[in-house]
């Protein structure tokens, strides 16, 4: 039921493949026994893990929960994937980096997470890579969609205010969840996926901007007249 999962649901309706969609109500991926039971009943050759604890600030207080979802649950998934020869596509984040780079990050740049969220996501990646399971880790950034909670929806919710202060000294690459979903579904179409060992890829839309630039574009596109002030 997250942003990416909902976008994949929409696009998968045009696919010849049979997709099964679950959220915590149908399958709690933090429950190893529930996972084992689920995969015994289903014939699955590819898994797309869109689940994550993504409340960056709240993760500082809920360290165990963030670690359970972003790290331990991934470990459970990769063990099942390895055992059953399933190709696993796991979604990760730019929060693995410290943000001190002066240019775009590539897949070989050294990770240095600055908070609990980024650290738990990195541990999830390491569990995947060290397991020997086959699949892809796709790191993405600043995801927005017509679904779920994201920056675009927050800005539109605050649009009735006369003035807004928005951060200008954090730069990133916004990523439309539907574009990421399309890329993932293209990967799924590849023949002989199981010949590929675990590999890391970065995916975002083109271009860079600050949160202030992003907000300005959102209000311009929607034709909303609001005073925006850039802040540190």
C-alpha atoms as a PDB file:
ATOM      1  CA  UNK A   1       0.000   0.000   0.000  1.00  0.00           C
ATOM      2  CA  UNK A   2       3.012   2.297  -0.240  1.00  0.00           C
ATOM      3  CA  UNK A   3       3.797   4.707  -3.062  1.00  0.00           C
ATOM      4  CA  UNK A   4       5.842   2.288  -5.150  1.00  0.00           C
ATOM      5  CA  UNK A   5       3.680  -0.771  -4.449  1.00  0.00           C
ATOM      6  CA  UNK A   6       0.548   1.060  -5.567  1.00  0.00           C
ATOM      7  CA  UNK A   7       2.233   2.242  -8.782  1.00  0.00           C
ATOM      8  CA  UNK A   8       3.421  -1.303  -9.563  1.00  0.00           C
ATOM      9  CA  UNK A   9      -0.142  -2.555  -9.001  1.00  0.00           C
ATOM     10  CA  UNK A  10      -1.444  -0.118 -11.614  1.00  0.00           C
ATOM     11  CA  UNK A  11       1.209  -0.963 -14.210  1.00  0.00           C
ATOM     12  CA  UNK A  12       1.111  -4.717 -13.605  1.00  0.00           C
ATOM     13  CA  UNK A  13      -2.439  -4.876 -14.946  1.00  0.00           C
ATOM     14  CA  UNK A  14      -0.892  -4.624 -18.430  1.00  0.00           C
ATOM     15  CA  UNK A  15       1.648  -7.373 -17.711  1.00  0.00           C
ATOM     16  CA  UNK A  16       1.452 -11.010 -18.810  1.00  0.00           C
ATOM     17  CA  UNK A  17       3.012 -12.022 -15.496  1.00  0.00           C
ATOM     18  CA  UNK A  18       0.901 -12.946 -12.492  1.00  0.00           C
ATOM     19  CA  UNK A  19       1.515 -10.589  -9.562  1.00  0.00           C
ATOM     20  CA  UNK A  20       0.534 -11.155  -5.939  1.00  0.00           C
ATOM     21  CA  UNK A  21       0.365  -8.002  -3.791  1.00  0.00           C
ATOM     22  CA  UNK A  22       0.630  -8.081  -0.021  1.00  0.00           C
ATOM     23  CA  UNK A  23       0.860  -5.594   2.810  1.00  0.00           C
ATOM     24  CA  UNK A  24       1.150  -6.249   6.528  1.00  0.00           C
ATOM     25  CA  UNK A  25      -2.496  -7.403   6.755  1.00  0.00           C
ATOM     26  CA  UNK A  26      -1.829 -10.241   4.280  1.00  0.00           C
ATOM     27  CA  UNK A  27       1.822 -10.947   5.118  1.00  0.00           C
ATOM     28  CA  UNK A  28       3.998  -9.599   7.934  1.00  0.00           C
ATOM     29  CA  UNK A  29       7.519  -9.823   6.505  1.00  0.00           C
ATOM     30  CA  UNK A  30       9.001  -9.323   9.989  1.00  0.00           C
ATOM     31  CA  UNK A  31       7.526 -12.713  10.953  1.00  0.00           C
ATOM     32  CA  UNK A  32       9.894 -15.397   9.673  1.00  0.00           C
ATOM     33  CA  UNK A  33       7.376 -18.207  10.262  1.00  0.00           C
ATOM     34  CA  UNK A  34       4.646 -16.346   8.337  1.00  0.00           C
ATOM     35  CA  UNK A  35       7.058 -15.806   5.426  1.00  0.00           C
ATOM     36  CA  UNK A  36       8.055 -19.458   5.317  1.00  0.00           C
ATOM     37  CA  UNK A  37       4.410 -20.543   5.339  1.00  0.00           C
ATOM     38  CA  UNK A  38       3.479 -18.043   2.597  1.00  0.00           C
ATOM     39  CA  UNK A  39       6.234 -19.169   0.227  1.00  0.00           C
ATOM     40  CA  UNK A  40       5.340 -22.825   0.756  1.00  0.00           C
ATOM     41  CA  UNK A  41       1.848 -22.137  -0.600  1.00  0.00           C
ATOM     42  CA  UNK A  42       2.904 -19.987  -3.582  1.00  0.00           C
ATOM     43  CA  UNK A  43       4.932 -20.691  -6.717  1.00  0.00           C
ATOM     44  CA  UNK A  44       6.954 -17.477  -6.964  1.00  0.00           C
ATOM     45  CA  UNK A  45      10.039 -16.800  -9.086  1.00  0.00           C
ATOM     46  CA  UNK A  46      10.541 -13.060  -8.439  1.00  0.00           C
ATOM     47  CA  UNK A  47       9.979 -10.907  -5.363  1.00  0.00           C
ATOM     48  CA  UNK A  48       9.871  -7.088  -5.338  1.00  0.00           C
ATOM     49  CA  UNK A  49      10.374  -5.814  -1.791  1.00  0.00           C
ATOM     50  CA  UNK A  50       8.857  -2.325  -1.549  1.00  0.00           C
ATOM     51  CA  UNK A  51       8.392  -2.526   2.234  1.00  0.00           C
ATOM     52  CA  UNK A  52      10.398  -0.202   4.470  1.00  0.00           C
ATOM     53  CA  UNK A  53      10.289   1.826   7.659  1.00  0.00           C
ATOM     54  CA  UNK A  54      10.677   5.306   6.113  1.00  0.00           C
ATOM     55  CA  UNK A  55       9.912   7.756   8.964  1.00  0.00           C
ATOM     56  CA  UNK A  56      13.441   9.182   9.000  1.00  0.00           C
ATOM     57  CA  UNK A  57      13.143  11.381  12.111  1.00  0.00           C
ATOM     58  CA  UNK A  58      10.951   8.938  14.051  1.00  0.00           C
ATOM     59  CA  UNK A  59      13.470   6.145  13.430  1.00  0.00           C
ATOM     60  CA  UNK A  60      15.793   7.831  15.937  1.00  0.00           C
ATOM     61  CA  UNK A  61      13.264   6.924  18.649  1.00  0.00           C
ATOM     62  CA  UNK A  62      12.050   3.624  17.160  1.00  0.00           C
ATOM     63  CA  UNK A  63      15.420   2.050  16.416  1.00  0.00           C
ATOM     64  CA  UNK A  64      14.336  -1.550  17.014  1.00  0.00           C
ATOM     65  CA  UNK A  65      11.273  -1.283  14.777  1.00  0.00           C
ATOM     66  CA  UNK A  66      13.265   0.396  11.995  1.00  0.00           C
ATOM     67  CA  UNK A  67      15.921  -2.325  12.249  1.00  0.00           C
ATOM     68  CA  UNK A  68      13.291  -5.082  12.247  1.00  0.00           C
ATOM     69  CA  UNK A  69      11.685  -3.862   8.996  1.00  0.00           C
ATOM     70  CA  UNK A  70      14.711  -2.458   7.137  1.00  0.00           C
ATOM     71  CA  UNK A  71      17.290  -5.045   8.150  1.00  0.00           C
ATOM     72  CA  UNK A  72      16.036  -8.252   9.810  1.00  0.00           C
ATOM     73  CA  UNK A  73      13.000  -8.708   7.542  1.00  0.00           C
ATOM     74  CA  UNK A  74      15.258  -8.324   4.500  1.00  0.00           C
ATOM     75  CA  UNK A  75      17.454 -11.061   5.973  1.00  0.00           C
ATOM     76  CA  UNK A  76      14.423 -13.357   6.221  1.00  0.00           C
ATOM     77  CA  UNK A  77      13.468 -12.606   2.611  1.00  0.00           C
ATOM     78  CA  UNK A  78      16.940 -13.222   1.203  1.00  0.00           C
ATOM     79  CA  UNK A  79      17.248 -16.564   2.988  1.00  0.00           C
ATOM     80  CA  UNK A  80      13.962 -17.735   1.464  1.00  0.00           C
ATOM     81  CA  UNK A  81      14.984 -16.321  -1.923  1.00  0.00           C
ATOM     82  CA  UNK A  82      18.266 -18.216  -1.775  1.00  0.00           C
ATOM     83  CA  UNK A  83      16.624 -21.453  -0.655  1.00  0.00           C
ATOM     84  CA  UNK A  84      13.924 -21.346  -3.351  1.00  0.00           C
ATOM     85  CA  UNK A  85      16.056 -19.793  -6.122  1.00  0.00           C
ATOM     86  CA  UNK A  86      13.891 -16.643  -6.210  1.00  0.00           C
ATOM     87  CA  UNK A  87      15.156 -13.440  -7.832  1.00  0.00           C
ATOM     88  CA  UNK A  88      14.817 -10.610  -5.306  1.00  0.00           C
ATOM     89  CA  UNK A  89      14.479  -6.904  -6.182  1.00  0.00           C
ATOM     90  CA  UNK A  90      15.008  -4.801  -3.064  1.00  0.00           C
ATOM     91  CA  UNK A  91      14.455  -1.029  -2.859  1.00  0.00           C
ATOM     92  CA  UNK A  92      16.995   1.038  -0.938  1.00  0.00           C
ATOM     93  CA  UNK A  93      17.788   4.716  -0.402  1.00  0.00           C
ATOM     94  CA  UNK A  94      20.141   7.663  -0.861  1.00  0.00           C
ATOM     95  CA  UNK A  95      20.200   8.016   2.951  1.00  0.00           C
ATOM     96  CA  UNK A  96      23.085   5.516   2.921  1.00  0.00           C
ATOM     97  CA  UNK A  97      25.307   8.475   2.026  1.00  0.00           C
ATOM     98  CA  UNK A  98      26.329  11.452   4.178  1.00  0.00           C
ATOM     99  CA  UNK A  99      25.337  14.131   1.655  1.00  0.00           C
ATOM    100  CA  UNK A 100      28.809  15.707   1.575  1.00  0.00           C
ATOM    101  CA  UNK A 101      29.459  14.813  -2.056  1.00  0.00           C
ATOM    102  CA  UNK A 102      29.738  17.664  -4.543  1.00  0.00           C
ATOM    103  CA  UNK A 103      28.325  15.601  -7.407  1.00  0.00           C
ATOM    104  CA  UNK A 104      25.807  12.802  -8.005  1.00  0.00           C
ATOM    105  CA  UNK A 105      26.515   9.588  -6.114  1.00  0.00           C
ATOM    106  CA  UNK A 106      27.305   6.447  -8.077  1.00  0.00           C
ATOM    107  CA  UNK A 107      27.041   2.805  -7.030  1.00  0.00           C
ATOM    108  CA  UNK A 108      30.714   2.583  -6.019  1.00  0.00           C
ATOM    109  CA  UNK A 109      30.772   5.606  -3.692  1.00  0.00           C
ATOM    110  CA  UNK A 110      31.480   4.878  -0.045  1.00  0.00           C
ATOM    111  CA  UNK A 111      28.393   4.707   2.170  1.00  0.00           C
ATOM    112  CA  UNK A 112      28.260   6.705   5.402  1.00  0.00           C
ATOM    113  CA  UNK A 113      24.708   6.884   6.835  1.00  0.00           C
ATOM    114  CA  UNK A 114      24.078   9.713   9.307  1.00  0.00           C
ATOM    115  CA  UNK A 115      21.015   8.371  11.109  1.00  0.00           C
ATOM    116  CA  UNK A 116      19.166   5.249  12.213  1.00  0.00           C
ATOM    117  CA  UNK A 117      17.053   5.042   9.037  1.00  0.00           C
ATOM    118  CA  UNK A 118      20.069   5.070   6.700  1.00  0.00           C
ATOM    119  CA  UNK A 119      22.038   2.723   8.953  1.00  0.00           C
ATOM    120  CA  UNK A 120      19.246   0.120   9.084  1.00  0.00           C
ATOM    121  CA  UNK A 121      18.778   0.296   5.304  1.00  0.00           C
ATOM    122  CA  UNK A 122      22.520  -0.270   4.842  1.00  0.00           C
ATOM    123  CA  UNK A 123      22.391  -3.310   7.151  1.00  0.00           C
ATOM    124  CA  UNK A 124      19.519  -4.637   5.009  1.00  0.00           C
ATOM    125  CA  UNK A 125      21.656  -4.245   1.881  1.00  0.00           C
ATOM    126  CA  UNK A 126      24.574  -6.007   3.549  1.00  0.00           C
ATOM    127  CA  UNK A 127      22.343  -8.901   4.601  1.00  0.00           C
ATOM    128  CA  UNK A 128      21.309  -9.251   0.945  1.00  0.00           C
ATOM    129  CA  UNK A 129      24.808  -9.009  -0.567  1.00  0.00           C
ATOM    130  CA  UNK A 130      26.389 -11.333   2.016  1.00  0.00           C
ATOM    131  CA  UNK A 131      23.675 -13.989   1.603  1.00  0.00           C
ATOM    132  CA  UNK A 132      24.630 -14.989  -1.932  1.00  0.00           C
ATOM    133  CA  UNK A 133      20.992 -14.615  -3.046  1.00  0.00           C
ATOM    134  CA  UNK A 134      20.354 -13.489  -6.620  1.00  0.00           C
ATOM    135  CA  UNK A 135      18.775 -10.130  -7.354  1.00  0.00           C
ATOM    136  CA  UNK A 136      19.050  -6.373  -7.522  1.00  0.00           C
ATOM    137  CA  UNK A 137      19.264  -3.595  -4.956  1.00  0.00           C
ATOM    138  CA  UNK A 138      17.851  -0.373  -6.389  1.00  0.00           C
ATOM    139  CA  UNK A 139      18.713   2.798  -4.477  1.00  0.00           C
ATOM    140  CA  UNK A 140      16.410   5.721  -5.137  1.00  0.00           C
ATOM    141  CA  UNK A 141      15.781   9.209  -3.753  1.00  0.00           C
ATOM    142  CA  UNK A 142      13.083  11.799  -2.959  1.00  0.00           C
ATOM    143  CA  UNK A 143      10.233   9.547  -4.108  1.00  0.00           C
ATOM    144  CA  UNK A 144       6.855  11.145  -4.818  1.00  0.00           C
ATOM    145  CA  UNK A 145       3.585   9.787  -6.180  1.00  0.00           C
ATOM    146  CA  UNK A 146      -0.156  10.392  -6.250  1.00  0.00           C
ATOM    147  CA  UNK A 147      -0.289   7.772  -3.469  1.00  0.00           C
ATOM    148  CA  UNK A 148       0.914   7.770   0.126  1.00  0.00           C
ATOM    149  CA  UNK A 149       2.796  10.493   1.977  1.00  0.00           C
ATOM    150  CA  UNK A 150       5.400  12.561   0.140  1.00  0.00           C
ATOM    151  CA  UNK A 151       6.738  16.078  -0.352  1.00  0.00           C
ATOM    152  CA  UNK A 152       4.420  16.972  -3.249  1.00  0.00           C
ATOM    153  CA  UNK A 153       1.302  16.037  -1.265  1.00  0.00           C
ATOM    154  CA  UNK A 154       2.589  17.869   1.817  1.00  0.00           C
ATOM    155  CA  UNK A 155       3.157  21.060  -0.181  1.00  0.00           C
ATOM    156  CA  UNK A 156      -0.320  20.863  -1.735  1.00  0.00           C
ATOM    157  CA  UNK A 157      -1.829  20.289   1.705  1.00  0.00           C
ATOM    158  CA  UNK A 158      -0.126  23.476   2.938  1.00  0.00           C
ATOM    159  CA  UNK A 159      -1.152  25.443  -0.163  1.00  0.00           C
ATOM    160  CA  UNK A 160      -3.831  27.436   1.678  1.00  0.00           C
ATOM    161  CA  UNK A 161      -1.156  29.226   3.710  1.00  0.00           C
ATOM    162  CA  UNK A 162      -0.085  32.654   2.442  1.00  0.00           C
ATOM    163  CA  UNK A 163       3.601  32.052   3.085  1.00  0.00           C
ATOM    164  CA  UNK A 164       5.876  29.022   3.407  1.00  0.00           C
ATOM    165  CA  UNK A 165       9.521  28.609   4.382  1.00  0.00           C
ATOM    166  CA  UNK A 166      11.265  25.793   2.515  1.00  0.00           C
ATOM    167  CA  UNK A 167      14.839  24.474   2.831  1.00  0.00           C
ATOM    168  CA  UNK A 168      17.143  25.511  -0.019  1.00  0.00           C
ATOM    169  CA  UNK A 169      20.492  24.002   1.057  1.00  0.00           C
ATOM    170  CA  UNK A 170      19.613  20.334   0.609  1.00  0.00           C
ATOM    171  CA  UNK A 171      19.953  19.163  -2.990  1.00  0.00           C
ATOM    172  CA  UNK A 172      18.596  15.945  -4.473  1.00  0.00           C
ATOM    173  CA  UNK A 173      17.002  14.184  -7.424  1.00  0.00           C
ATOM    174  CA  UNK A 174      13.222  13.774  -7.087  1.00  0.00           C
ATOM    175  CA  UNK A 175      11.943  10.428  -8.387  1.00  0.00           C
ATOM    176  CA  UNK A 176       8.419   9.808  -9.657  1.00  0.00           C
ATOM    177  CA  UNK A 177       7.375   6.423  -8.240  1.00  0.00           C
ATOM    178  CA  UNK A 178       5.653   5.418 -11.489  1.00  0.00           C
ATOM    179  CA  UNK A 179       8.908   5.836 -13.420  1.00  0.00           C
ATOM    180  CA  UNK A 180      10.692   3.669 -10.864  1.00  0.00           C
ATOM    181  CA  UNK A 181       7.869   1.106 -11.097  1.00  0.00           C
ATOM    182  CA  UNK A 182       8.214   1.038 -14.909  1.00  0.00           C
ATOM    183  CA  UNK A 183      11.955   0.407 -14.594  1.00  0.00           C
ATOM    184  CA  UNK A 184      11.363  -2.452 -12.144  1.00  0.00           C
ATOM    185  CA  UNK A 185       8.775  -4.085 -14.416  1.00  0.00           C
ATOM    186  CA  UNK A 186      11.250  -3.856 -17.308  1.00  0.00           C
ATOM    187  CA  UNK A 187      13.788  -5.718 -15.174  1.00  0.00           C
ATOM    188  CA  UNK A 188      11.221  -8.441 -14.414  1.00  0.00           C
ATOM    189  CA  UNK A 189      10.771  -9.032 -18.172  1.00  0.00           C
ATOM    190  CA  UNK A 190      14.467  -9.940 -18.637  1.00  0.00           C
ATOM    191  CA  UNK A 191      15.009 -13.566 -19.628  1.00  0.00           C
ATOM    192  CA  UNK A 192      17.164 -15.777 -17.389  1.00  0.00           C
ATOM    193  CA  UNK A 193      17.059 -13.343 -14.457  1.00  0.00           C
ATOM    194  CA  UNK A 194      18.395 -16.033 -12.170  1.00  0.00           C
ATOM    195  CA  UNK A 195      21.756 -15.928 -13.959  1.00  0.00           C
ATOM    196  CA  UNK A 196      22.427 -12.550 -12.376  1.00  0.00           C
ATOM    197  CA  UNK A 197      24.161 -12.262  -9.003  1.00  0.00           C
ATOM    198  CA  UNK A 198      23.185  -9.526  -6.509  1.00  0.00           C
ATOM    199  CA  UNK A 199      24.072  -6.089  -7.852  1.00  0.00           C
ATOM    200  CA  UNK A 200      23.429  -2.484  -6.796  1.00  0.00           C
ATOM    201  CA  UNK A 201      21.920   0.153  -9.107  1.00  0.00           C
ATOM    202  CA  UNK A 202      20.952   3.773  -8.554  1.00  0.00           C
ATOM    203  CA  UNK A 203      17.701   5.026 -10.093  1.00  0.00           C
ATOM    204  CA  UNK A 204      16.195   8.496 -10.058  1.00  0.00           C
ATOM    205  CA  UNK A 205      14.725  10.905 -12.550  1.00  0.00           C
ATOM    206  CA  UNK A 206      17.084  13.318 -14.283  1.00  0.00           C
ATOM    207  CA  UNK A 207      17.939  16.737 -12.906  1.00  0.00           C
ATOM    208  CA  UNK A 208      18.732  18.136  -9.476  1.00  0.00           C
ATOM    209  CA  UNK A 209      17.004  20.681  -7.256  1.00  0.00           C
ATOM    210  CA  UNK A 210      16.646  21.854  -3.681  1.00  0.00           C
ATOM    211  CA  UNK A 211      13.466  21.324  -1.653  1.00  0.00           C
ATOM    212  CA  UNK A 212      12.792  25.028  -2.268  1.00  0.00           C
ATOM    213  CA  UNK A 213      13.120  24.598  -6.067  1.00  0.00           C
ATOM    214  CA  UNK A 214      10.889  21.532  -5.893  1.00  0.00           C
ATOM    215  CA  UNK A 215       8.200  23.385  -3.928  1.00  0.00           C
ATOM    216  CA  UNK A 216       8.368  26.334  -6.334  1.00  0.00           C
ATOM    217  CA  UNK A 217       7.818  24.029  -9.322  1.00  0.00           C
ATOM    218  CA  UNK A 218       4.889  22.270  -7.601  1.00  0.00           C
ATOM    219  CA  UNK A 219       3.043  25.538  -6.961  1.00  0.00           C
ATOM    220  CA  UNK A 220       3.828  26.928 -10.443  1.00  0.00           C
ATOM    221  CA  UNK A 221       2.521  23.770 -12.146  1.00  0.00           C
ATOM    222  CA  UNK A 222      -0.654  23.846 -10.039  1.00  0.00           C
ATOM    223  CA  UNK A 223      -1.105  27.598 -10.597  1.00  0.00           C
ATOM    224  CA  UNK A 224      -1.065  28.326  -6.860  1.00  0.00           C
ATOM    225  CA  UNK A 225      -0.062  31.830  -5.764  1.00  0.00           C
ATOM    226  CA  UNK A 226       1.955  31.561  -2.553  1.00  0.00           C
ATOM    227  CA  UNK A 227       4.971  33.377  -1.092  1.00  0.00           C
ATOM    228  CA  UNK A 228       7.891  30.963  -0.751  1.00  0.00           C
ATOM    229  CA  UNK A 229      10.972  31.888   1.299  1.00  0.00           C
ATOM    230  CA  UNK A 230      14.202  29.852   1.080  1.00  0.00           C
ATOM    231  CA  UNK A 231      15.688  28.918   4.479  1.00  0.00           C
ATOM    232  CA  UNK A 232      18.744  27.014   5.664  1.00  0.00           C
END
